[in-house]
Structures are given as C-alpha cells and as structure tokens.
N, C-alpha and C. Protein backbone atom coordinates (compact mmCIF):
# COMPACT_ATOMS: atom_id res chain seq x y z
N MET A 1 -71.15 -9.89 -53.24
CA MET A 1 -70.23 -8.96 -52.65
C MET A 1 -69.70 -7.99 -53.98
N ASP A 2 -69.61 -6.80 -53.87
CA ASP A 2 -69.02 -6.04 -55.17
C ASP A 2 -67.83 -5.61 -55.01
N LEU A 3 -66.85 -6.16 -55.64
CA LEU A 3 -65.50 -5.75 -55.43
C LEU A 3 -65.08 -4.55 -56.75
N LYS A 4 -64.42 -3.59 -56.24
CA LYS A 4 -64.05 -2.58 -57.22
C LYS A 4 -62.42 -2.47 -57.40
N MET A 5 -62.02 -2.58 -58.69
CA MET A 5 -60.74 -2.63 -58.84
C MET A 5 -60.07 -1.09 -58.64
N THR A 6 -59.05 -0.70 -57.97
CA THR A 6 -58.54 0.57 -58.04
C THR A 6 -56.96 0.62 -58.71
N ASN A 7 -56.70 1.66 -59.02
CA ASN A 7 -55.44 1.80 -59.81
C ASN A 7 -54.34 2.11 -58.59
N LEU A 8 -53.34 1.19 -58.18
CA LEU A 8 -52.52 1.04 -57.39
C LEU A 8 -51.02 1.04 -58.04
N ARG A 9 -50.37 2.10 -57.74
CA ARG A 9 -49.04 2.17 -58.48
C ARG A 9 -47.99 1.49 -57.33
N VAL A 10 -47.04 0.55 -57.80
CA VAL A 10 -46.06 0.08 -56.90
C VAL A 10 -44.98 0.67 -57.34
N ASP A 11 -44.25 1.15 -56.40
CA ASP A 11 -43.12 1.76 -56.46
C ASP A 11 -41.90 0.97 -56.36
N ALA A 12 -41.15 0.46 -57.61
CA ALA A 12 -40.19 -0.26 -57.96
C ALA A 12 -38.68 0.32 -57.98
N SER A 13 -38.96 1.52 -57.27
CA SER A 13 -37.49 2.35 -57.29
C SER A 13 -36.94 2.54 -55.85
N GLY A 14 -37.67 1.88 -54.95
CA GLY A 14 -37.23 2.14 -53.48
C GLY A 14 -36.18 1.18 -52.91
N GLU A 15 -36.02 1.35 -51.66
CA GLU A 15 -34.93 0.57 -51.27
C GLU A 15 -35.23 -0.93 -51.29
N GLY A 16 -34.18 -1.76 -51.70
CA GLY A 16 -34.54 -3.20 -51.84
C GLY A 16 -35.10 -3.54 -53.11
N SER A 17 -35.51 -2.60 -54.04
CA SER A 17 -35.95 -2.77 -55.01
C SER A 17 -34.94 -3.53 -56.29
N ARG A 18 -33.77 -3.32 -55.95
CA ARG A 18 -32.59 -3.50 -57.08
C ARG A 18 -32.11 -4.75 -56.82
N GLY A 19 -33.10 -5.88 -56.04
CA GLY A 19 -32.56 -7.13 -55.77
C GLY A 19 -31.42 -7.22 -54.77
N GLY A 20 -31.52 -8.39 -54.07
CA GLY A 20 -30.50 -8.38 -53.01
C GLY A 20 -31.16 -8.59 -51.91
N LYS A 21 -30.48 -8.92 -50.71
CA LYS A 21 -30.87 -8.63 -49.36
C LYS A 21 -30.14 -7.53 -48.79
N ILE A 22 -30.68 -6.87 -48.11
CA ILE A 22 -30.54 -5.73 -47.16
C ILE A 22 -30.01 -6.10 -45.89
N VAL A 23 -28.83 -5.94 -45.49
CA VAL A 23 -28.66 -6.50 -43.99
C VAL A 23 -28.28 -5.33 -43.19
N GLY A 24 -28.35 -4.30 -43.73
CA GLY A 24 -27.97 -3.03 -42.60
C GLY A 24 -28.00 -1.88 -43.43
N HIS A 25 -27.70 -0.76 -42.57
CA HIS A 25 -27.56 0.48 -43.38
C HIS A 25 -26.12 1.15 -42.74
N THR A 26 -25.58 2.23 -43.77
CA THR A 26 -24.61 3.02 -43.35
C THR A 26 -25.08 4.18 -42.31
N SER A 27 -24.24 4.71 -41.61
CA SER A 27 -24.61 5.89 -40.66
C SER A 27 -25.62 6.87 -41.48
N GLY A 28 -25.13 6.95 -42.95
CA GLY A 28 -25.81 8.01 -43.75
C GLY A 28 -27.28 7.53 -44.25
N GLY A 29 -27.65 6.23 -44.04
CA GLY A 29 -28.79 5.73 -44.47
C GLY A 29 -28.92 4.82 -45.61
N LYS A 30 -27.54 4.86 -46.28
CA LYS A 30 -27.63 4.01 -47.41
C LYS A 30 -27.88 2.29 -47.19
N PRO A 31 -28.59 1.53 -48.02
CA PRO A 31 -28.58 0.09 -47.65
C PRO A 31 -27.37 -0.53 -47.81
N ILE A 32 -26.93 -1.58 -47.08
CA ILE A 32 -25.97 -2.29 -47.24
C ILE A 32 -26.31 -3.79 -47.54
N TYR A 33 -26.11 -4.24 -48.72
CA TYR A 33 -26.64 -5.57 -49.15
C TYR A 33 -25.74 -6.57 -48.91
N GLY A 34 -26.08 -7.82 -48.90
CA GLY A 34 -25.58 -9.11 -48.55
C GLY A 34 -24.42 -9.41 -49.42
N VAL A 35 -24.11 -8.64 -50.70
CA VAL A 35 -22.89 -8.98 -51.27
C VAL A 35 -22.30 -7.77 -51.44
N HIS A 36 -20.82 -7.76 -51.37
CA HIS A 36 -20.07 -6.63 -51.63
C HIS A 36 -20.09 -5.89 -53.07
N ASN A 37 -20.59 -6.59 -54.02
CA ASN A 37 -20.53 -5.85 -55.12
C ASN A 37 -21.74 -5.61 -55.79
N HIS A 38 -22.55 -5.52 -54.91
CA HIS A 38 -23.94 -4.91 -55.34
C HIS A 38 -23.95 -3.62 -55.99
N PRO A 39 -24.50 -3.48 -57.10
CA PRO A 39 -24.46 -1.81 -57.92
C PRO A 39 -24.63 -0.92 -56.96
N GLU A 40 -25.48 -0.92 -56.01
CA GLU A 40 -25.87 0.29 -55.13
C GLU A 40 -24.34 0.62 -54.36
N HIS A 41 -23.64 -0.11 -54.13
CA HIS A 41 -22.44 0.16 -53.46
C HIS A 41 -21.39 0.89 -54.25
N ASP A 42 -21.60 0.94 -55.29
CA ASP A 42 -20.74 1.82 -56.23
C ASP A 42 -20.67 3.42 -55.74
N SER A 43 -21.64 3.86 -55.02
CA SER A 43 -21.50 5.22 -54.39
C SER A 43 -21.11 5.17 -53.17
N PHE A 44 -20.61 4.22 -52.49
CA PHE A 44 -20.03 4.22 -51.18
C PHE A 44 -18.86 4.98 -51.03
N THR A 45 -18.64 5.64 -49.95
CA THR A 45 -17.51 6.35 -49.87
C THR A 45 -16.42 5.33 -48.88
N ARG A 46 -15.31 5.70 -48.90
CA ARG A 46 -14.41 4.70 -48.06
C ARG A 46 -14.79 4.44 -46.65
N GLU A 47 -15.55 5.43 -46.03
CA GLU A 47 -15.98 5.23 -44.63
C GLU A 47 -17.20 4.38 -44.54
N GLU A 48 -17.95 4.41 -45.89
CA GLU A 48 -19.05 3.66 -45.81
C GLU A 48 -19.00 2.33 -46.04
N HIS A 49 -17.84 2.02 -46.76
CA HIS A 49 -17.27 0.68 -46.88
C HIS A 49 -16.59 0.05 -45.50
N THR A 50 -16.23 0.94 -44.83
CA THR A 50 -15.67 0.57 -43.63
C THR A 50 -16.83 0.09 -42.65
N GLU A 51 -17.89 0.89 -42.70
CA GLU A 51 -18.99 0.67 -42.06
C GLU A 51 -19.76 -0.73 -42.47
N ALA A 52 -19.92 -1.02 -43.75
CA ALA A 52 -20.20 -2.14 -44.28
C ALA A 52 -19.40 -3.43 -43.57
N ALA A 53 -18.04 -3.04 -43.70
CA ALA A 53 -16.99 -4.21 -43.27
C ALA A 53 -17.46 -4.49 -41.76
N GLN A 54 -17.74 -3.55 -40.78
CA GLN A 54 -18.13 -3.69 -39.69
C GLN A 54 -19.18 -4.37 -39.35
N LEU A 55 -20.24 -4.19 -40.12
CA LEU A 55 -21.62 -4.68 -40.13
C LEU A 55 -21.44 -6.18 -40.42
N HIS A 56 -20.57 -6.59 -41.59
CA HIS A 56 -20.30 -8.08 -42.00
C HIS A 56 -19.59 -8.64 -40.61
N GLN A 57 -18.75 -7.97 -39.95
CA GLN A 57 -18.06 -8.62 -38.86
C GLN A 57 -18.90 -8.95 -37.68
N ALA A 58 -19.78 -7.80 -37.50
CA ALA A 58 -20.99 -8.15 -36.57
C ALA A 58 -21.70 -9.43 -36.96
N LYS A 59 -22.16 -9.53 -38.00
CA LYS A 59 -22.85 -10.80 -38.64
C LYS A 59 -22.10 -12.14 -38.14
N MET A 60 -20.86 -12.19 -38.65
CA MET A 60 -19.98 -13.24 -38.22
C MET A 60 -20.14 -13.60 -36.87
N GLY A 61 -20.00 -12.64 -35.88
CA GLY A 61 -20.07 -12.84 -34.41
C GLY A 61 -21.37 -13.41 -34.24
N GLU A 62 -22.46 -13.03 -34.72
CA GLU A 62 -23.87 -13.63 -34.54
C GLU A 62 -24.11 -15.16 -34.89
N LEU A 63 -23.24 -15.47 -36.08
CA LEU A 63 -23.29 -16.65 -36.45
C LEU A 63 -22.31 -17.75 -36.00
N ARG A 64 -21.34 -17.07 -35.31
CA ARG A 64 -20.16 -18.15 -34.93
C ARG A 64 -20.98 -19.14 -34.03
N GLY A 65 -20.51 -20.62 -34.32
CA GLY A 65 -21.14 -21.69 -33.77
C GLY A 65 -22.47 -22.25 -34.32
N LYS A 66 -22.92 -21.44 -35.42
CA LYS A 66 -24.21 -21.69 -35.85
C LYS A 66 -24.52 -22.15 -37.08
N ASP A 67 -23.78 -21.21 -38.07
CA ASP A 67 -23.78 -21.55 -39.48
C ASP A 67 -22.60 -21.34 -40.21
N LYS A 68 -21.69 -22.15 -40.08
CA LYS A 68 -20.37 -21.76 -40.64
C LYS A 68 -20.34 -21.29 -42.18
N GLY A 69 -21.31 -21.75 -43.00
CA GLY A 69 -21.40 -21.14 -44.42
C GLY A 69 -21.74 -19.77 -44.34
N ALA A 70 -22.73 -19.44 -43.72
CA ALA A 70 -23.11 -18.00 -43.67
C ALA A 70 -21.91 -17.09 -43.04
N MET A 71 -21.53 -17.64 -41.79
CA MET A 71 -20.27 -16.98 -41.31
C MET A 71 -19.10 -16.76 -42.30
N GLU A 72 -18.84 -17.64 -43.18
CA GLU A 72 -17.83 -17.78 -44.23
C GLU A 72 -18.23 -16.38 -45.23
N HIS A 73 -19.48 -16.60 -45.66
CA HIS A 73 -20.06 -15.61 -46.58
C HIS A 73 -19.53 -14.34 -46.16
N HIS A 74 -20.02 -13.84 -44.68
CA HIS A 74 -19.93 -12.62 -44.29
C HIS A 74 -18.50 -12.29 -44.05
N LYS A 75 -17.67 -13.22 -43.78
CA LYS A 75 -16.19 -12.98 -43.66
C LYS A 75 -15.61 -12.46 -45.17
N LYS A 76 -16.16 -13.17 -46.21
CA LYS A 76 -15.68 -12.48 -47.62
C LYS A 76 -16.11 -11.24 -47.81
N GLN A 77 -17.34 -11.05 -47.37
CA GLN A 77 -18.03 -9.75 -47.55
C GLN A 77 -17.23 -8.72 -46.78
N ARG A 78 -17.09 -8.95 -45.51
CA ARG A 78 -16.27 -8.26 -44.57
C ARG A 78 -14.74 -7.66 -45.40
N ASN A 79 -14.05 -8.69 -45.76
CA ASN A 79 -12.66 -8.43 -46.43
C ASN A 79 -12.75 -7.74 -47.75
N ALA A 80 -13.84 -7.82 -48.42
CA ALA A 80 -13.86 -6.93 -49.58
C ALA A 80 -14.21 -5.64 -49.34
N HIS A 81 -15.23 -5.35 -48.44
CA HIS A 81 -15.34 -3.98 -47.97
C HIS A 81 -14.36 -3.47 -47.18
N SER A 82 -13.62 -4.18 -46.43
CA SER A 82 -12.32 -3.64 -45.92
C SER A 82 -11.22 -2.84 -47.01
N LYS A 83 -10.86 -4.05 -47.99
CA LYS A 83 -10.38 -3.52 -49.04
C LYS A 83 -10.75 -2.33 -49.53
N TYR A 84 -11.92 -2.06 -50.00
CA TYR A 84 -12.61 -0.86 -50.52
C TYR A 84 -12.33 0.36 -49.78
N GLY A 85 -12.45 -0.14 -48.56
CA GLY A 85 -12.49 0.97 -47.15
C GLY A 85 -11.00 1.67 -47.15
N SER A 86 -10.02 0.74 -47.65
CA SER A 86 -8.55 1.10 -47.64
C SER A 86 -8.18 1.84 -48.86
N GLY A 87 -9.17 1.81 -49.97
CA GLY A 87 -8.88 2.27 -51.14
C GLY A 87 -8.62 1.41 -52.35
N ASP A 88 -8.37 -0.08 -51.92
CA ASP A 88 -7.88 -1.04 -52.86
C ASP A 88 -9.21 -1.48 -53.51
N ARG A 89 -9.42 -1.10 -54.93
CA ARG A 89 -10.42 -1.60 -55.55
C ARG A 89 -10.19 -3.02 -56.27
N THR A 90 -8.96 -3.69 -56.10
CA THR A 90 -8.61 -4.66 -57.15
C THR A 90 -9.09 -5.70 -56.25
N PHE A 91 -9.54 -6.00 -55.22
CA PHE A 91 -9.94 -7.56 -54.46
C PHE A 91 -11.03 -8.00 -55.11
N PHE A 92 -11.98 -7.26 -55.37
CA PHE A 92 -13.51 -7.75 -56.02
C PHE A 92 -13.83 -6.65 -56.79
N PRO A 93 -13.55 -6.58 -58.23
CA PRO A 93 -14.02 -5.30 -58.67
C PRO A 93 -15.56 -4.97 -58.47
N LEU A 94 -16.13 -3.92 -58.38
CA LEU A 94 -17.56 -3.67 -58.07
C LEU A 94 -18.35 -3.89 -59.23
N LYS A 95 -17.85 -3.64 -60.38
CA LYS A 95 -18.64 -3.87 -61.60
C LYS A 95 -17.77 -5.00 -62.42
N LYS A 96 -18.55 -5.95 -62.89
CA LYS A 96 -18.35 -7.20 -63.79
C LYS A 96 -17.43 -6.68 -65.14
N ALA A 97 -16.55 -7.19 -65.48
CA ALA A 97 -16.11 -6.96 -66.83
C ALA A 97 -17.15 -7.17 -67.89
N PRO A 98 -17.18 -6.51 -68.89
CA PRO A 98 -18.11 -6.88 -70.06
C PRO A 98 -17.73 -8.35 -71.01
N LYS A 99 -18.29 -8.89 -71.31
CA LYS A 99 -18.29 -10.23 -72.02
C LYS A 99 -17.56 -9.88 -73.37
N GLN A 100 -16.69 -10.62 -73.77
CA GLN A 100 -15.92 -10.24 -75.02
C GLN A 100 -16.22 -11.56 -76.10
C-alpha cells in the first residue's frame, strides 16, 4: 500500500482551542466555558454574563440529586456570572493579578 502524506493545517484558533470545556453559547453565539474566569469571557456584556448565569442554573437543575460536586461547581459559576451581570467585577476577577 502506498501512503502519501498531505499538508494538513490544523486551525488552532477556533472555538474551544483556548482550553476549557464549552458548556453552551450566548444568544450571540459566544462560547460559555465551564469556568467563569475564562479569558474568552472578558468580552462578555452584562447581558451575556446573565445568559451564562442562566445556563449554569440550568446545569444545576440537570445535576440535582446526581452529582453534588458538579452541582456546586455550576452554582459557583452561576453566582460569579450573576455578579458580573449586575456590574460587580469584584466577586472573582476575570484576570489574575500578576505575581510579584
């Protein structure tokens, strides 16, 4: 069997390429990652943070009685996105402070 190599280019800039698990999308199509402080969330509007909070609330409902740890994780993410949605960015800063 004669196998030929081809030049394939992998697009490492697409959705999900930034690391982390995508758990849903905003109404505008932006990915919602499993952690509230993912760098891709920096550009979220208040409304998009509210949508993310609602998604995490729904995930909590799906997990109720099944996986307490995962449910608590989504509760924390919901609370953080809710704070951002209300304009409060002090709850969990999106960017980590630089090491000194």
